[in-house]
Amino acid sequence: MGKIVRDLDEYNLKTCINKLRDLSVERVTLKHQLDELIEEYMALERQI
C-alpha cells in the first residue's frame, strides 16, 4: 500500500512540476506580448 501512495505522490509531483513549467513559459510569452503592445502604444503616442 505504501508503494502505491508513494507512486501517486511522485506522479502528482511530476504533474505539478510540468504545470509550473507550462505557467513559466506562458508568463514569458505574455511578457513578450505586453512588451510589444507597449512599444506599439508608445509609437502611436509619438504620432499624435
N, C-alpha and C. Protein backbone atom coordinates (compact mmCIF):
# COMPACT_ATOMS: atom_id res chain seq x y z
N MET A 1 0.83 -1.20 0.00
CA MET A 1 0.00 0.00 0.00
C MET A 1 0.87 1.26 0.00
N GLY A 2 1.97 1.23 0.75
CA GLY A 2 2.85 2.39 0.82
C GLY A 2 3.43 2.75 -0.53
N LYS A 3 3.75 1.73 -1.33
CA LYS A 3 4.34 1.99 -2.65
C LYS A 3 3.34 2.70 -3.56
N ILE A 4 2.09 2.30 -3.49
CA ILE A 4 1.06 2.94 -4.32
C ILE A 4 0.95 4.42 -3.98
N VAL A 5 0.92 4.73 -2.70
CA VAL A 5 0.82 6.13 -2.26
C VAL A 5 2.06 6.90 -2.71
N ARG A 6 3.24 6.30 -2.58
CA ARG A 6 4.47 6.97 -3.00
C ARG A 6 4.45 7.22 -4.50
N ASP A 7 4.01 6.23 -5.27
CA ASP A 7 3.93 6.39 -6.72
C ASP A 7 2.96 7.51 -7.09
N LEU A 8 1.84 7.59 -6.39
CA LEU A 8 0.88 8.67 -6.65
C LEU A 8 1.51 10.01 -6.31
N ASP A 9 2.24 10.07 -5.20
CA ASP A 9 2.89 11.32 -4.82
C ASP A 9 3.92 11.74 -5.87
N GLU A 10 4.69 10.79 -6.38
CA GLU A 10 5.66 11.10 -7.43
C GLU A 10 4.95 11.58 -8.69
N TYR A 11 3.82 10.95 -9.01
CA TYR A 11 3.04 11.37 -10.18
C TYR A 11 2.54 12.80 -9.98
N ASN A 12 1.97 13.07 -8.80
CA ASN A 12 1.45 14.40 -8.51
C ASN A 12 2.56 15.44 -8.55
N LEU A 13 3.72 15.09 -8.03
CA LEU A 13 4.86 16.00 -8.04
C LEU A 13 5.29 16.30 -9.47
N LYS A 14 5.39 15.26 -10.29
CA LYS A 14 5.77 15.47 -11.70
C LYS A 14 4.73 16.32 -12.42
N THR A 15 3.45 16.07 -12.13
CA THR A 15 2.38 16.85 -12.74
C THR A 15 2.48 18.32 -12.34
N CYS A 16 2.73 18.56 -11.06
CA CYS A 16 2.88 19.94 -10.58
C CYS A 16 4.08 20.62 -11.22
N ILE A 17 5.19 19.92 -11.33
CA ILE A 17 6.39 20.49 -11.95
C ILE A 17 6.10 20.84 -13.41
N ASN A 18 5.43 19.95 -14.12
CA ASN A 18 5.10 20.21 -15.52
C ASN A 18 4.17 21.41 -15.66
N LYS A 19 3.18 21.52 -14.75
CA LYS A 19 2.26 22.66 -14.80
C LYS A 19 3.01 23.96 -14.50
N LEU A 20 3.94 23.91 -13.55
CA LEU A 20 4.74 25.10 -13.24
C LEU A 20 5.58 25.51 -14.45
N ARG A 21 6.15 24.54 -15.14
CA ARG A 21 6.92 24.84 -16.36
C ARG A 21 6.03 25.49 -17.41
N ASP A 22 4.84 24.92 -17.59
CA ASP A 22 3.90 25.49 -18.57
C ASP A 22 3.55 26.92 -18.21
N LEU A 23 3.29 27.17 -16.92
CA LEU A 23 2.95 28.52 -16.48
C LEU A 23 4.12 29.47 -16.67
N SER A 24 5.33 28.99 -16.44
CA SER A 24 6.52 29.81 -16.63
C SER A 24 6.65 30.22 -18.10
N VAL A 25 6.44 29.27 -19.00
CA VAL A 25 6.51 29.55 -20.43
C VAL A 25 5.41 30.53 -20.81
N GLU A 26 4.21 30.32 -20.28
CA GLU A 26 3.09 31.21 -20.57
C GLU A 26 3.38 32.62 -20.08
N ARG A 27 3.98 32.74 -18.92
CA ARG A 27 4.31 34.05 -18.36
C ARG A 27 5.30 34.78 -19.26
N VAL A 28 6.31 34.07 -19.74
CA VAL A 28 7.30 34.67 -20.64
C VAL A 28 6.63 35.13 -21.93
N THR A 29 5.74 34.29 -22.46
CA THR A 29 5.02 34.64 -23.69
C THR A 29 4.17 35.89 -23.47
N LEU A 30 3.45 35.95 -22.35
CA LEU A 30 2.62 37.12 -22.05
C LEU A 30 3.48 38.36 -21.87
N LYS A 31 4.64 38.21 -21.26
CA LYS A 31 5.54 39.36 -21.07
C LYS A 31 5.99 39.90 -22.42
N HIS A 32 6.35 39.01 -23.35
CA HIS A 32 6.74 39.45 -24.70
C HIS A 32 5.59 40.18 -25.39
N GLN A 33 4.38 39.62 -25.27
CA GLN A 33 3.22 40.25 -25.89
C GLN A 33 2.96 41.62 -25.28
N LEU A 34 3.08 41.72 -23.97
CA LEU A 34 2.88 43.00 -23.30
C LEU A 34 3.92 44.02 -23.75
N ASP A 35 5.17 43.59 -23.83
CA ASP A 35 6.24 44.48 -24.30
C ASP A 35 5.95 44.99 -25.71
N GLU A 36 5.47 44.11 -26.58
CA GLU A 36 5.14 44.51 -27.95
C GLU A 36 4.00 45.52 -27.96
N LEU A 37 2.98 45.29 -27.13
CA LEU A 37 1.86 46.23 -27.06
C LEU A 37 2.31 47.59 -26.54
N ILE A 38 3.19 47.59 -25.55
CA ILE A 38 3.70 48.85 -25.01
C ILE A 38 4.48 49.60 -26.09
N GLU A 39 5.30 48.88 -26.85
CA GLU A 39 6.05 49.51 -27.95
C GLU A 39 5.10 50.11 -28.99
N GLU A 40 4.05 49.38 -29.34
CA GLU A 40 3.07 49.89 -30.30
C GLU A 40 2.38 51.13 -29.76
N TYR A 41 2.01 51.10 -28.49
CA TYR A 41 1.35 52.23 -27.86
C TYR A 41 2.26 53.46 -27.87
N MET A 42 3.53 53.25 -27.51
CA MET A 42 4.48 54.37 -27.49
C MET A 42 4.65 54.95 -28.90
N ALA A 43 4.69 54.09 -29.91
CA ALA A 43 4.83 54.56 -31.29
C ALA A 43 3.61 55.39 -31.68
N LEU A 44 2.42 54.94 -31.29
CA LEU A 44 1.20 55.70 -31.58
C LEU A 44 1.19 57.03 -30.84
N GLU A 45 1.64 57.03 -29.60
CA GLU A 45 1.72 58.27 -28.81
C GLU A 45 2.62 59.30 -29.50
N ARG A 46 3.71 58.85 -30.08
CA ARG A 46 4.65 59.76 -30.75
C ARG A 46 4.02 60.36 -32.02
N GLN A 47 3.09 59.63 -32.62
CA GLN A 47 2.46 60.12 -33.85
C GLN A 47 1.43 61.21 -33.57
N ILE A 48 0.90 61.22 -32.38
CA ILE A 48 -0.18 62.18 -32.04
C ILE A 48 0.38 63.57 -31.82
